[in-house]
Amino acid sequence: MKPLWTFEKWLSVSKEKNISLAEVILEKETDETGAGREEILEELEKRLKVMRESLERGLKRDEITPGGMIKDESKVLEKFFCENPPLSGLGAIKTAIYSIAIAQENAGMGRIVAIPTAGSAGIVPGTFFAFAELEGIDENRLIEGLLVAAGVGMVVGEKMEMAGAAGGCQAECGVAAGMAAAGVMFMLGGRGEEVFHAFALGVKNLIGLACDPVGGLVEVPCVKRNGFAAVQALLAVDMVRGGIRSVIPPDEVVDAMVDVGRSLPSSLKETAKGGLAQTKTGLQISERE
């Protein structure tokens, strides 16, 4: 049986070979797929382009989504905070706006990159693009951040299926928050332990998150949840920068998420039979569909 790819293993390889976390993932990908280094980097560049196009379309979108539950919430936020200083700070509100815009594009059947899933597609790119604008991060560094985010996905994917139907929304928005936090921490120059603790802090407060889509559509609460999870990723990075670490090691955080996902009832796993989907208003909306 192939040994699990863990944060501990990833860090060990990085130290042993004296290469960055991003380089470890790039080497792992070339070894396992047979693709060349440049081929993989070009593919990541293409995906980054699709993410950016999704953001641009999402920010302009004003038509009603298929279920009609949300409309142009990223534009509403952007317009208000052009004239009013956000209590949460410029970085947080820009991240929320961008993440919601991409999630709206997904809800409206637009083209997105599922990272790690379609329902959580706004979190990593929304965080990355807002961070890049605020900090002057170039394209090459963003690609390195994507490599690290992908590596986090590999670690989680070794132990659980990243789907709301399998593990609740913790397996989608929760994992995406951890991926975003790890990627940003790396792009800021964080060391291996700091990157992995950013992941742990980003994801563990979303452990147990229900997947309860109203009407069975990826609109409510999914779109705004993307915004909240992305801001949580930024806060995780700031906590690590300030010296805070996760008491529970990152690999054990993944184990806990797996256990909780198995324990969640089916009503909280994308079936729309629990949570917000079964509120009085949620049921009324479902009946309109």
C-alpha atoms as a PDB file:
ATOM      1  CA  MET A   1       0.000   0.000   0.000  1.00  0.00           C
ATOM      2  CA  LYS A   2       1.353   3.414  -1.001  1.00  0.00           C
ATOM      3  CA  PRO A   3       2.307   5.568   2.027  1.00  0.00           C
ATOM      4  CA  LEU A   4       0.061   8.555   2.662  1.00  0.00           C
ATOM      5  CA  TRP A   5       1.183  11.970   1.502  1.00  0.00           C
ATOM      6  CA  THR A   6       1.102  14.048   4.683  1.00  0.00           C
ATOM      7  CA  PHE A   7       2.211  17.496   5.813  1.00  0.00           C
ATOM      8  CA  GLU A   8       4.946  15.813   7.839  1.00  0.00           C
ATOM      9  CA  LYS A   9       6.209  13.963   4.741  1.00  0.00           C
ATOM     10  CA  TRP A  10       6.015  17.093   2.585  1.00  0.00           C
ATOM     11  CA  LEU A  11       8.064  19.097   5.082  1.00  0.00           C
ATOM     12  CA  SER A  12      10.574  16.270   5.410  1.00  0.00           C
ATOM     13  CA  VAL A  13      11.180  16.159   1.643  1.00  0.00           C
ATOM     14  CA  SER A  14      11.508  19.948   1.518  1.00  0.00           C
ATOM     15  CA  LYS A  15      14.166  19.925   4.239  1.00  0.00           C
ATOM     16  CA  GLU A  16      15.981  16.865   2.927  1.00  0.00           C
ATOM     17  CA  LYS A  17      16.327  18.269  -0.597  1.00  0.00           C
ATOM     18  CA  ASN A  18      16.611  21.898   0.548  1.00  0.00           C
ATOM     19  CA  ILE A  19      13.898  23.009  -1.876  1.00  0.00           C
ATOM     20  CA  SER A  20      10.726  25.051  -1.381  1.00  0.00           C
ATOM     21  CA  LEU A  21       7.325  23.541  -0.685  1.00  0.00           C
ATOM     22  CA  ALA A  22       6.231  24.579  -4.184  1.00  0.00           C
ATOM     23  CA  GLU A  23       9.225  22.799  -5.725  1.00  0.00           C
ATOM     24  CA  VAL A  24       8.377  19.618  -3.827  1.00  0.00           C
ATOM     25  CA  ILE A  25       4.901  19.574  -5.349  1.00  0.00           C
ATOM     26  CA  LEU A  26       6.235  20.372  -8.807  1.00  0.00           C
ATOM     27  CA  GLU A  27       8.706  17.480  -8.558  1.00  0.00           C
ATOM     28  CA  LYS A  28       5.994  15.160  -7.224  1.00  0.00           C
ATOM     29  CA  GLU A  29       3.718  16.073 -10.133  1.00  0.00           C
ATOM     30  CA  THR A  30       6.403  15.526 -12.777  1.00  0.00           C
ATOM     31  CA  ASP A  31       7.329  12.162 -11.247  1.00  0.00           C
ATOM     32  CA  GLU A  32       3.747  10.917 -10.981  1.00  0.00           C
ATOM     33  CA  THR A  33       2.360  12.212 -14.292  1.00  0.00           C
ATOM     34  CA  GLY A  34       5.422  12.081 -16.524  1.00  0.00           C
ATOM     35  CA  ALA A  35       4.669  15.623 -17.662  1.00  0.00           C
ATOM     36  CA  GLY A  36       7.531  18.068 -18.034  1.00  0.00           C
ATOM     37  CA  ARG A  37       8.137  20.892 -15.613  1.00  0.00           C
ATOM     38  CA  GLU A  38       7.277  23.596 -18.140  1.00  0.00           C
ATOM     39  CA  GLU A  39       4.166  21.738 -19.234  1.00  0.00           C
ATOM     40  CA  ILE A  40       2.834  21.701 -15.675  1.00  0.00           C
ATOM     41  CA  LEU A  41       3.635  25.377 -15.123  1.00  0.00           C
ATOM     42  CA  GLU A  42       1.927  26.297 -18.393  1.00  0.00           C
ATOM     43  CA  GLU A  43      -1.155  24.332 -17.334  1.00  0.00           C
ATOM     44  CA  LEU A  44      -1.250  26.210 -14.031  1.00  0.00           C
ATOM     45  CA  GLU A  45      -0.917  29.490 -15.905  1.00  0.00           C
ATOM     46  CA  LYS A  46      -3.946  28.537 -18.023  1.00  0.00           C
ATOM     47  CA  ARG A  47      -5.969  27.759 -14.923  1.00  0.00           C
ATOM     48  CA  LEU A  48      -4.952  31.047 -13.351  1.00  0.00           C
ATOM     49  CA  LYS A  49      -6.192  32.785 -16.498  1.00  0.00           C
ATOM     50  CA  VAL A  50      -9.561  31.019 -16.246  1.00  0.00           C
ATOM     51  CA  MET A  51      -9.820  32.059 -12.585  1.00  0.00           C
ATOM     52  CA  ARG A  52      -9.099  35.668 -13.465  1.00  0.00           C
ATOM     53  CA  GLU A  53     -11.689  35.628 -16.262  1.00  0.00           C
ATOM     54  CA  SER A  54     -14.225  34.138 -13.831  1.00  0.00           C
ATOM     55  CA  LEU A  55     -13.562  37.022 -11.451  1.00  0.00           C
ATOM     56  CA  GLU A  56     -13.935  39.630 -14.186  1.00  0.00           C
ATOM     57  CA  ARG A  57     -17.233  38.173 -15.366  1.00  0.00           C
ATOM     58  CA  GLY A  58     -18.475  37.693 -11.817  1.00  0.00           C
ATOM     59  CA  LEU A  59     -17.812  41.323 -10.928  1.00  0.00           C
ATOM     60  CA  LYS A  60     -19.903  42.424 -13.920  1.00  0.00           C
ATOM     61  CA  ARG A  61     -22.687  39.895 -13.453  1.00  0.00           C
ATOM     62  CA  ASP A  62     -26.074  41.373 -12.604  1.00  0.00           C
ATOM     63  CA  GLU A  63     -28.510  38.852 -14.045  1.00  0.00           C
ATOM     64  CA  ILE A  64     -30.422  36.594 -11.697  1.00  0.00           C
ATOM     65  CA  THR A  65     -28.935  33.153 -11.062  1.00  0.00           C
ATOM     66  CA  PRO A  66     -30.979  30.030 -11.981  1.00  0.00           C
ATOM     67  CA  GLY A  67     -32.748  29.857  -8.620  1.00  0.00           C
ATOM     68  CA  GLY A  68     -33.203  33.610  -8.366  1.00  0.00           C
ATOM     69  CA  MET A  69     -31.971  33.673  -4.763  1.00  0.00           C
ATOM     70  CA  ILE A  70     -28.994  35.958  -5.346  1.00  0.00           C
ATOM     71  CA  LYS A  71     -28.258  38.644  -7.881  1.00  0.00           C
ATOM     72  CA  ASP A  72     -25.326  41.059  -7.837  1.00  0.00           C
ATOM     73  CA  GLU A  73     -24.081  40.900  -4.261  1.00  0.00           C
ATOM     74  CA  SER A  74     -20.401  41.428  -5.100  1.00  0.00           C
ATOM     75  CA  LYS A  75     -21.346  44.632  -6.944  1.00  0.00           C
ATOM     76  CA  VAL A  76     -23.507  45.779  -4.039  1.00  0.00           C
ATOM     77  CA  LEU A  77     -20.596  45.305  -1.637  1.00  0.00           C
ATOM     78  CA  GLU A  78     -18.091  46.936  -3.953  1.00  0.00           C
ATOM     79  CA  LYS A  79     -20.297  49.979  -4.508  1.00  0.00           C
ATOM     80  CA  PHE A  80     -20.958  50.497  -0.796  1.00  0.00           C
ATOM     81  CA  PHE A  81     -17.329  50.185   0.277  1.00  0.00           C
ATOM     82  CA  CYS A  82     -16.096  52.541  -2.407  1.00  0.00           C
ATOM     83  CA  GLU A  83     -17.714  55.237  -0.245  1.00  0.00           C
ATOM     84  CA  ASN A  84     -17.611  53.709   3.249  1.00  0.00           C
ATOM     85  CA  PRO A  85     -14.533  52.322   5.040  1.00  0.00           C
ATOM     86  CA  PRO A  86     -15.042  48.632   5.913  1.00  0.00           C
ATOM     87  CA  LEU A  87     -14.854  47.734   9.594  1.00  0.00           C
ATOM     88  CA  SER A  88     -13.122  44.495   8.617  1.00  0.00           C
ATOM     89  CA  GLY A  89     -10.365  46.255   6.671  1.00  0.00           C
ATOM     90  CA  LEU A  90      -9.633  46.732   2.980  1.00  0.00           C
ATOM     91  CA  GLY A  91      -7.954  43.352   2.515  1.00  0.00           C
ATOM     92  CA  ALA A  92     -10.850  41.454   4.062  1.00  0.00           C
ATOM     93  CA  ILE A  93     -13.598  43.212   2.144  1.00  0.00           C
ATOM     94  CA  LYS A  94     -11.754  43.017  -1.188  1.00  0.00           C
ATOM     95  CA  THR A  95     -11.196  39.298  -0.593  1.00  0.00           C
ATOM     96  CA  ALA A  96     -14.879  38.796   0.220  1.00  0.00           C
ATOM     97  CA  ILE A  97     -15.995  40.747  -2.864  1.00  0.00           C
ATOM     98  CA  TYR A  98     -13.730  38.772  -5.177  1.00  0.00           C
ATOM     99  CA  SER A  99     -14.633  35.405  -3.682  1.00  0.00           C
ATOM    100  CA  ILE A 100     -18.363  36.131  -3.842  1.00  0.00           C
ATOM    101  CA  ALA A 101     -18.031  37.341  -7.445  1.00  0.00           C
ATOM    102  CA  ILE A 102     -16.458  34.051  -8.552  1.00  0.00           C
ATOM    103  CA  ALA A 103     -18.971  32.020  -6.546  1.00  0.00           C
ATOM    104  CA  GLN A 104     -21.756  33.977  -8.280  1.00  0.00           C
ATOM    105  CA  GLU A 105     -20.202  33.123 -11.631  1.00  0.00           C
ATOM    106  CA  ASN A 106     -20.362  29.455 -10.672  1.00  0.00           C
ATOM    107  CA  ALA A 107     -23.959  29.753  -9.437  1.00  0.00           C
ATOM    108  CA  GLY A 108     -24.855  31.410 -12.737  1.00  0.00           C
ATOM    109  CA  MET A 109     -23.432  28.464 -14.708  1.00  0.00           C
ATOM    110  CA  GLY A 110     -20.330  30.394 -15.776  1.00  0.00           C
ATOM    111  CA  ARG A 111     -16.897  28.883 -16.348  1.00  0.00           C
ATOM    112  CA  ILE A 112     -14.801  28.475 -13.204  1.00  0.00           C
ATOM    113  CA  VAL A 113     -11.968  26.346 -11.848  1.00  0.00           C
ATOM    114  CA  ALA A 114     -13.175  23.867  -9.233  1.00  0.00           C
ATOM    115  CA  ILE A 115     -10.595  24.393  -6.490  1.00  0.00           C
ATOM    116  CA  PRO A 116     -11.123  22.034  -4.842  1.00  0.00           C
ATOM    117  CA  THR A 117     -14.825  21.972  -5.856  1.00  0.00           C
ATOM    118  CA  ALA A 118     -17.217  24.133  -7.841  1.00  0.00           C
ATOM    119  CA  GLY A 119     -19.132  25.096  -4.700  1.00  0.00           C
ATOM    120  CA  SER A 120     -15.954  26.496  -3.137  1.00  0.00           C
ATOM    121  CA  ALA A 121     -14.478  27.886  -6.367  1.00  0.00           C
ATOM    122  CA  GLY A 122     -14.349  31.498  -5.187  1.00  0.00           C
ATOM    123  CA  ILE A 123     -12.209  31.041  -2.082  1.00  0.00           C
ATOM    124  CA  VAL A 124      -8.679  30.351  -3.343  1.00  0.00           C
ATOM    125  CA  PRO A 125      -8.722  32.665  -6.391  1.00  0.00           C
ATOM    126  CA  GLY A 126     -10.651  35.398  -4.575  1.00  0.00           C
ATOM    127  CA  THR A 127      -8.083  35.374  -1.774  1.00  0.00           C
ATOM    128  CA  PHE A 128      -5.123  35.137  -4.136  1.00  0.00           C
ATOM    129  CA  PHE A 129      -6.183  37.945  -6.470  1.00  0.00           C
ATOM    130  CA  ALA A 130      -7.089  40.341  -3.654  1.00  0.00           C
ATOM    131  CA  PHE A 131      -3.795  39.550  -1.915  1.00  0.00           C
ATOM    132  CA  ALA A 132      -1.834  39.985  -5.164  1.00  0.00           C
ATOM    133  CA  GLU A 133      -3.349  43.422  -5.791  1.00  0.00           C
ATOM    134  CA  LEU A 134      -2.717  44.633  -2.262  1.00  0.00           C
ATOM    135  CA  GLU A 135       0.827  43.252  -2.003  1.00  0.00           C
ATOM    136  CA  GLY A 136       2.041  43.572  -5.607  1.00  0.00           C
ATOM    137  CA  ILE A 137       2.450  39.814  -6.155  1.00  0.00           C
ATOM    138  CA  ASP A 138       3.420  38.814  -9.704  1.00  0.00           C
ATOM    139  CA  GLU A 139       2.100  35.964 -11.842  1.00  0.00           C
ATOM    140  CA  ASN A 140       5.016  33.607 -11.160  1.00  0.00           C
ATOM    141  CA  ARG A 141       4.549  33.921  -7.422  1.00  0.00           C
ATOM    142  CA  LEU A 142       0.808  33.287  -7.784  1.00  0.00           C
ATOM    143  CA  ILE A 143       1.597  30.077  -9.662  1.00  0.00           C
ATOM    144  CA  GLU A 144       3.891  29.011  -6.820  1.00  0.00           C
ATOM    145  CA  GLY A 145       1.045  29.756  -4.417  1.00  0.00           C
ATOM    146  CA  LEU A 146      -1.234  27.540  -6.514  1.00  0.00           C
ATOM    147  CA  LEU A 147       1.314  24.726  -6.319  1.00  0.00           C
ATOM    148  CA  VAL A 148       1.251  24.946  -2.527  1.00  0.00           C
ATOM    149  CA  ALA A 149      -2.552  25.104  -2.465  1.00  0.00           C
ATOM    150  CA  ALA A 150      -2.614  22.038  -4.725  1.00  0.00           C
ATOM    151  CA  GLY A 151      -0.239  20.265  -2.354  1.00  0.00           C
ATOM    152  CA  VAL A 152      -2.622  20.920   0.520  1.00  0.00           C
ATOM    153  CA  GLY A 153      -5.406  19.444  -1.589  1.00  0.00           C
ATOM    154  CA  MET A 154      -3.260  16.355  -2.147  1.00  0.00           C
ATOM    155  CA  VAL A 155      -2.740  15.890   1.589  1.00  0.00           C
ATOM    156  CA  VAL A 156      -6.458  16.151   2.330  1.00  0.00           C
ATOM    157  CA  GLY A 157      -7.412  14.087  -0.715  1.00  0.00           C
ATOM    158  CA  GLU A 158      -5.339  11.162   0.551  1.00  0.00           C
ATOM    159  CA  LYS A 159      -7.767  10.757   3.448  1.00  0.00           C
ATOM    160  CA  MET A 160     -11.148  12.105   2.390  1.00  0.00           C
ATOM    161  CA  GLU A 161     -13.271  12.892  -0.625  1.00  0.00           C
ATOM    162  CA  MET A 162     -13.613  16.625  -1.114  1.00  0.00           C
ATOM    163  CA  ALA A 163     -17.343  16.856  -1.757  1.00  0.00           C
ATOM    164  CA  GLY A 164     -20.250  18.163   0.260  1.00  0.00           C
ATOM    165  CA  ALA A 165     -22.093  14.922  -0.407  1.00  0.00           C
ATOM    166  CA  ALA A 166     -19.286  12.987   1.280  1.00  0.00           C
ATOM    167  CA  GLY A 167     -18.197  15.173   4.173  1.00  0.00           C
ATOM    168  CA  GLY A 168     -20.376  18.259   4.381  1.00  0.00           C
ATOM    169  CA  CYS A 169     -19.264  21.765   3.438  1.00  0.00           C
ATOM    170  CA  GLN A 170     -16.164  21.391   5.609  1.00  0.00           C
ATOM    171  CA  ALA A 171     -14.893  19.209   2.748  1.00  0.00           C
ATOM    172  CA  GLU A 172     -15.450  22.045   0.275  1.00  0.00           C
ATOM    173  CA  CYS A 173     -15.322  25.543   1.765  1.00  0.00           C
ATOM    174  CA  GLY A 174     -13.352  24.332   4.782  1.00  0.00           C
ATOM    175  CA  VAL A 175     -10.617  22.713   2.707  1.00  0.00           C
ATOM    176  CA  ALA A 176     -10.564  25.682   0.310  1.00  0.00           C
ATOM    177  CA  ALA A 177     -10.005  28.064   3.231  1.00  0.00           C
ATOM    178  CA  GLY A 178      -7.036  25.962   4.316  1.00  0.00           C
ATOM    179  CA  MET A 179      -5.668  25.860   0.768  1.00  0.00           C
ATOM    180  CA  ALA A 180      -5.981  29.635   0.424  1.00  0.00           C
ATOM    181  CA  ALA A 181      -4.340  30.286   3.789  1.00  0.00           C
ATOM    182  CA  ALA A 182      -1.422  27.988   3.003  1.00  0.00           C
ATOM    183  CA  GLY A 183      -0.899  29.541  -0.436  1.00  0.00           C
ATOM    184  CA  VAL A 184      -0.915  33.115   0.858  1.00  0.00           C
ATOM    185  CA  MET A 185       1.373  32.226   3.753  1.00  0.00           C
ATOM    186  CA  PHE A 186       3.844  30.698   1.302  1.00  0.00           C
ATOM    187  CA  MET A 187       3.707  33.710  -1.021  1.00  0.00           C
ATOM    188  CA  LEU A 188       4.502  35.921   1.964  1.00  0.00           C
ATOM    189  CA  GLY A 189       7.686  33.928   2.482  1.00  0.00           C
ATOM    190  CA  GLY A 190       6.410  31.691   5.265  1.00  0.00           C
ATOM    191  CA  ARG A 191       8.464  28.648   6.254  1.00  0.00           C
ATOM    192  CA  GLY A 192       7.068  25.138   5.987  1.00  0.00           C
ATOM    193  CA  GLU A 193       5.701  24.964   9.526  1.00  0.00           C
ATOM    194  CA  GLU A 194       4.095  28.394   9.156  1.00  0.00           C
ATOM    195  CA  VAL A 195       2.401  27.396   5.903  1.00  0.00           C
ATOM    196  CA  PHE A 196       0.945  24.246   7.405  1.00  0.00           C
ATOM    197  CA  HIS A 197      -0.227  25.970  10.565  1.00  0.00           C
ATOM    198  CA  ALA A 198      -1.956  28.590   8.397  1.00  0.00           C
ATOM    199  CA  PHE A 199      -3.787  25.680   6.775  1.00  0.00           C
ATOM    200  CA  ALA A 200      -4.712  24.210  10.150  1.00  0.00           C
ATOM    201  CA  LEU A 201      -6.038  27.488  11.542  1.00  0.00           C
ATOM    202  CA  GLY A 202      -7.866  28.226   8.297  1.00  0.00           C
ATOM    203  CA  VAL A 203      -9.726  24.948   8.221  1.00  0.00           C
ATOM    204  CA  LYS A 204     -10.278  23.782  11.776  1.00  0.00           C
ATOM    205  CA  ASN A 205     -12.870  26.396  12.721  1.00  0.00           C
ATOM    206  CA  LEU A 206     -14.948  25.183   9.770  1.00  0.00           C
ATOM    207  CA  ILE A 207     -14.837  21.540  10.854  1.00  0.00           C
ATOM    208  CA  GLY A 208     -18.385  20.214  11.042  1.00  0.00           C
ATOM    209  CA  LEU A 209     -19.760  22.769   8.587  1.00  0.00           C
ATOM    210  CA  ALA A 210     -23.010  21.497   7.107  1.00  0.00           C
ATOM    211  CA  CYS A 211     -23.711  21.364   3.378  1.00  0.00           C
ATOM    212  CA  ASP A 212     -27.310  22.599   3.322  1.00  0.00           C
ATOM    213  CA  PRO A 213     -28.044  24.206  -0.091  1.00  0.00           C
ATOM    214  CA  VAL A 214     -31.464  25.800  -0.247  1.00  0.00           C
ATOM    215  CA  GLY A 215     -33.430  24.297  -3.106  1.00  0.00           C
ATOM    216  CA  GLY A 216     -30.482  22.032  -3.839  1.00  0.00           C
ATOM    217  CA  LEU A 217     -28.753  24.870  -5.704  1.00  0.00           C
ATOM    218  CA  VAL A 218     -25.263  26.268  -5.135  1.00  0.00           C
ATOM    219  CA  GLU A 219     -26.578  29.712  -4.214  1.00  0.00           C
ATOM    220  CA  VAL A 220     -27.718  29.982  -0.579  1.00  0.00           C
ATOM    221  CA  PRO A 221     -25.734  29.819   1.622  1.00  0.00           C
ATOM    222  CA  CYS A 222     -22.911  28.814  -0.724  1.00  0.00           C
ATOM    223  CA  VAL A 223     -22.091  32.115  -2.428  1.00  0.00           C
ATOM    224  CA  LYS A 224     -21.727  34.254   0.694  1.00  0.00           C
ATOM    225  CA  ARG A 225     -20.076  31.333   2.496  1.00  0.00           C
ATOM    226  CA  ASN A 226     -17.261  31.608  -0.059  1.00  0.00           C
ATOM    227  CA  GLY A 227     -16.728  35.189   1.053  1.00  0.00           C
ATOM    228  CA  PHE A 228     -16.650  34.329   4.741  1.00  0.00           C
ATOM    229  CA  ALA A 229     -14.288  31.371   4.283  1.00  0.00           C
ATOM    230  CA  ALA A 230     -11.879  33.464   2.212  1.00  0.00           C
ATOM    231  CA  VAL A 231     -11.688  36.139   4.906  1.00  0.00           C
ATOM    232  CA  GLN A 232     -11.090  33.412   7.485  1.00  0.00           C
ATOM    233  CA  ALA A 233      -8.114  32.277   5.375  1.00  0.00           C
ATOM    234  CA  LEU A 234      -6.609  35.765   5.624  1.00  0.00           C
ATOM    235  CA  LEU A 235      -7.159  35.848   9.373  1.00  0.00           C
ATOM    236  CA  ALA A 236      -5.412  32.488   9.697  1.00  0.00           C
ATOM    237  CA  VAL A 237      -2.381  33.928   7.897  1.00  0.00           C
ATOM    238  CA  ASP A 238      -2.341  36.983  10.155  1.00  0.00           C
ATOM    239  CA  MET A 239      -2.553  34.800  13.250  1.00  0.00           C
ATOM    240  CA  VAL A 240       0.443  32.745  12.121  1.00  0.00           C
ATOM    241  CA  ARG A 241       2.363  35.909  11.260  1.00  0.00           C
ATOM    242  CA  GLY A 242       1.634  37.112  14.770  1.00  0.00           C
ATOM    243  CA  GLY A 243       3.086  33.959  16.320  1.00  0.00           C
ATOM    244  CA  ILE A 244      -0.032  31.840  16.877  1.00  0.00           C
ATOM    245  CA  ARG A 245       0.124  28.136  16.047  1.00  0.00           C
ATOM    246  CA  SER A 246      -2.457  25.373  15.948  1.00  0.00           C
ATOM    247  CA  VAL A 247      -2.248  23.281  19.112  1.00  0.00           C
ATOM    248  CA  ILE A 248      -3.497  20.313  17.097  1.00  0.00           C
ATOM    249  CA  PRO A 249      -0.905  19.387  14.400  1.00  0.00           C
ATOM    250  CA  PRO A 250      -2.041  19.951  10.784  1.00  0.00           C
ATOM    251  CA  ASP A 251      -2.141  16.239   9.895  1.00  0.00           C
ATOM    252  CA  GLU A 252      -4.306  15.573  12.940  1.00  0.00           C
ATOM    253  CA  VAL A 253      -6.629  18.408  11.925  1.00  0.00           C
ATOM    254  CA  VAL A 254      -7.228  16.515   8.670  1.00  0.00           C
ATOM    255  CA  ASP A 255      -7.889  13.327  10.647  1.00  0.00           C
ATOM    256  CA  ALA A 256     -10.447  15.162  12.782  1.00  0.00           C
ATOM    257  CA  MET A 257     -12.163  16.529   9.691  1.00  0.00           C
ATOM    258  CA  VAL A 258     -12.387  13.018   8.240  1.00  0.00           C
ATOM    259  CA  ASP A 259     -13.935  11.669  11.453  1.00  0.00           C
ATOM    260  CA  VAL A 260     -16.454  14.507  11.675  1.00  0.00           C
ATOM    261  CA  GLY A 261     -17.382  14.107   8.017  1.00  0.00           C
ATOM    262  CA  ARG A 262     -18.184  10.450   8.583  1.00  0.00           C
ATOM    263  CA  SER A 263     -20.265  11.346  11.629  1.00  0.00           C
ATOM    264  CA  LEU A 264     -22.401  13.971   9.905  1.00  0.00           C
ATOM    265  CA  PRO A 265     -25.915  12.776   9.072  1.00  0.00           C
ATOM    266  CA  SER A 266     -26.904  12.554   5.410  1.00  0.00           C
ATOM    267  CA  SER A 267     -29.310  15.480   5.966  1.00  0.00           C
ATOM    268  CA  LEU A 268     -26.240  17.749   6.253  1.00  0.00           C
ATOM    269  CA  LYS A 269     -24.417  16.353   3.210  1.00  0.00           C
ATOM    270  CA  GLU A 270     -25.772  18.226   0.197  1.00  0.00           C
ATOM    271  CA  THR A 271     -29.188  16.570   0.285  1.00  0.00           C
ATOM    272  CA  ALA A 272     -31.060  19.788   1.179  1.00  0.00           C
ATOM    273  CA  LYS A 273     -32.836  17.800   3.905  1.00  0.00           C
ATOM    274  CA  GLY A 274     -31.403  19.718   6.846  1.00  0.00           C
ATOM    275  CA  GLY A 275     -30.007  23.010   8.039  1.00  0.00           C
ATOM    276  CA  LEU A 276     -30.965  26.190   6.181  1.00  0.00           C
ATOM    277  CA  ALA A 277     -32.602  24.188   3.400  1.00  0.00           C
ATOM    278  CA  GLN A 278     -35.285  22.995   5.820  1.00  0.00           C
ATOM    279  CA  THR A 279     -36.153  26.353   7.367  1.00  0.00           C
ATOM    280  CA  LYS A 280     -39.600  27.777   6.654  1.00  0.00           C
ATOM    281  CA  THR A 281     -38.186  30.221   4.123  1.00  0.00           C
ATOM    282  CA  GLY A 282     -35.851  27.613   2.644  1.00  0.00           C
ATOM    283  CA  LEU A 283     -38.762  25.276   2.008  1.00  0.00           C
ATOM    284  CA  GLN A 284     -40.835  28.085   0.457  1.00  0.00           C
ATOM    285  CA  ILE A 285     -37.976  28.843  -1.923  1.00  0.00           C
ATOM    286  CA  SER A 286     -37.656  25.154  -2.787  1.00  0.00           C
ATOM    287  CA  GLU A 287     -41.345  24.993  -3.660  1.00  0.00           C
ATOM    288  CA  ARG A 288     -40.873  27.791  -6.190  1.00  0.00           C
ATOM    289  CA  GLU A 289     -38.205  25.833  -8.060  1.00  0.00           C
END
